[in-house]
């Protein structure tokens, strides 16, 4: 798939679902990142997913909030099933204080996923 815009925009931490949708559209991005792990309730989740679908953008699932290789691999496989894609943005928190990634563990998770057909 080819994109004319390199901007990836996230879907987390907006004051409301409607502001999230308006911000995503206004940014002019073609790709929006989403995390399965950060969805709170079923009712809010349904509204969230509908608003994301209504943007018409490509959805790039991510593994936000994971702290181990096992969590990243498990969530990536779940994302592959839910979103029917092998295209996943991998995130693995190495330092809880400043949320810096753990590059060594992330590389290990990437190797496992590549060997699994991602």
Protein backbone atom coordinates (compact mmCIF):
# COMPACT_ATOMS: atom_id res chain seq x y z
CA UNK A 1 0.00 0.00 0.00
CA UNK A 2 1.24 3.49 -0.84
CA UNK A 3 0.60 6.65 1.17
CA UNK A 4 1.19 10.26 0.18
CA UNK A 5 1.44 11.46 3.79
CA UNK A 6 3.92 10.12 6.37
CA UNK A 7 2.06 11.47 9.39
CA UNK A 8 0.79 8.79 11.77
CA UNK A 9 -1.76 10.10 14.26
CA UNK A 10 -2.70 8.38 17.49
CA UNK A 11 -6.19 7.83 18.86
CA UNK A 12 -5.41 8.01 22.59
CA UNK A 13 -5.77 10.71 25.24
CA UNK A 14 -8.30 13.02 23.58
CA UNK A 15 -10.81 14.85 25.83
CA UNK A 16 -13.73 13.16 24.05
CA UNK A 17 -14.35 10.69 21.22
CA UNK A 18 -15.78 13.43 18.99
CA UNK A 19 -12.74 15.67 19.48
CA UNK A 20 -10.54 12.66 18.69
CA UNK A 21 -12.37 12.11 15.40
CA UNK A 22 -12.27 15.80 14.45
CA UNK A 23 -8.56 16.05 15.29
CA UNK A 24 -7.67 12.95 13.30
CA UNK A 25 -9.51 14.22 10.23
CA UNK A 26 -8.12 17.78 10.58
CA UNK A 27 -4.54 16.46 10.78
CA UNK A 28 -4.73 15.24 7.20
CA UNK A 29 -3.11 11.91 8.04
CA UNK A 30 -3.95 8.74 6.13
CA UNK A 31 -3.07 6.42 9.03
CA UNK A 32 -4.45 6.31 12.57
CA UNK A 33 -2.89 4.16 15.31
CA UNK A 34 -5.13 2.32 17.78
CA UNK A 35 -4.51 0.10 20.78
CA UNK A 36 -6.73 -2.82 21.77
CA UNK A 37 -5.29 -2.70 25.26
CA UNK A 38 -6.42 0.84 26.06
CA UNK A 39 -10.14 0.42 25.40
CA UNK A 40 -12.12 0.93 28.61
CA UNK A 41 -15.75 -0.11 28.35
CA UNK A 42 -17.88 -1.91 25.81
CA UNK A 43 -20.21 1.04 25.27
CA UNK A 44 -17.37 3.54 24.91
CA UNK A 45 -15.47 1.04 22.78
CA UNK A 46 -18.32 0.66 20.29
CA UNK A 47 -18.54 4.44 19.89
CA UNK A 48 -14.76 4.65 19.57
CA UNK A 49 -14.56 2.04 16.81
CA UNK A 50 -17.40 3.60 14.85
CA UNK A 51 -15.74 7.02 15.00
CA UNK A 52 -12.46 5.49 13.81
CA UNK A 53 -14.23 3.71 10.93
CA UNK A 54 -16.01 6.93 9.97
CA UNK A 55 -12.65 8.68 9.39
CA UNK A 56 -11.99 6.36 6.44
CA UNK A 57 -8.30 6.16 7.36
CA UNK A 58 -6.06 3.12 7.40
CA UNK A 59 -5.96 1.67 10.92
CA UNK A 60 -2.54 0.73 12.28
CA UNK A 61 -2.97 -1.32 15.46
CA UNK A 62 -0.26 -1.04 18.09
CA UNK A 63 0.97 -2.83 21.19
CA UNK A 64 0.89 0.21 23.49
CA UNK A 65 1.08 -0.57 27.19
CA UNK A 66 3.06 -3.81 26.88
CA UNK A 67 5.96 -4.42 29.27
CA UNK A 68 7.33 -7.77 28.06
CA UNK A 69 8.16 -9.66 24.90
CA UNK A 70 5.37 -12.14 25.67
CA UNK A 71 2.80 -9.33 25.98
CA UNK A 72 3.90 -7.73 22.70
CA UNK A 73 3.77 -11.03 20.80
CA UNK A 74 0.37 -11.96 22.26
CA UNK A 75 -1.18 -8.55 21.59
CA UNK A 76 0.30 -8.39 18.07
CA UNK A 77 -1.30 -11.75 17.28
CA UNK A 78 -4.62 -10.51 18.65
CA UNK A 79 -4.33 -7.37 16.52
CA UNK A 80 -3.63 -9.48 13.46
CA UNK A 81 -6.86 -11.41 14.05
CA UNK A 82 -9.05 -8.43 14.94
CA UNK A 83 -7.81 -6.10 12.18
CA UNK A 84 -6.92 -8.74 9.56
CA UNK A 85 -3.45 -7.26 9.04
CA UNK A 86 0.18 -8.17 9.59
CA UNK A 87 1.01 -4.47 9.75
CA UNK A 88 1.42 -3.70 13.48
CA UNK A 89 3.19 -0.83 15.27
CA UNK A 90 5.22 -2.50 18.02
CA UNK A 91 5.66 -0.77 21.37
CA UNK A 92 7.32 -2.22 24.47
CA UNK A 93 7.81 -0.09 27.59
CA UNK A 94 11.22 -0.55 29.18
CA UNK A 95 11.11 2.22 31.76
CA UNK A 96 7.80 2.92 33.50
CA UNK A 97 8.99 6.29 34.82
CA UNK A 98 9.62 7.96 31.46
CA UNK A 99 7.99 5.34 29.18
CA UNK A 100 11.18 4.82 27.19
CA UNK A 101 11.11 1.68 25.02
CA UNK A 102 13.25 -1.39 25.62
CA UNK A 103 15.00 -1.73 22.24
CA UNK A 104 16.59 -5.11 23.00
CA UNK A 105 13.29 -6.70 24.04
CA UNK A 106 11.53 -5.00 21.13
CA UNK A 107 14.03 -6.54 18.72
CA UNK A 108 13.42 -9.96 20.31
CA UNK A 109 9.64 -9.56 19.90
CA UNK A 110 10.12 -8.44 16.30
CA UNK A 111 12.20 -11.53 15.51
CA UNK A 112 9.54 -13.83 17.01
CA UNK A 113 6.77 -12.12 15.02
CA UNK A 114 8.75 -12.20 11.77
CA UNK A 115 9.27 -15.94 12.24
CA UNK A 116 5.50 -16.20 12.77
CA UNK A 117 4.73 -14.68 9.37
CA UNK A 118 4.33 -11.00 10.15
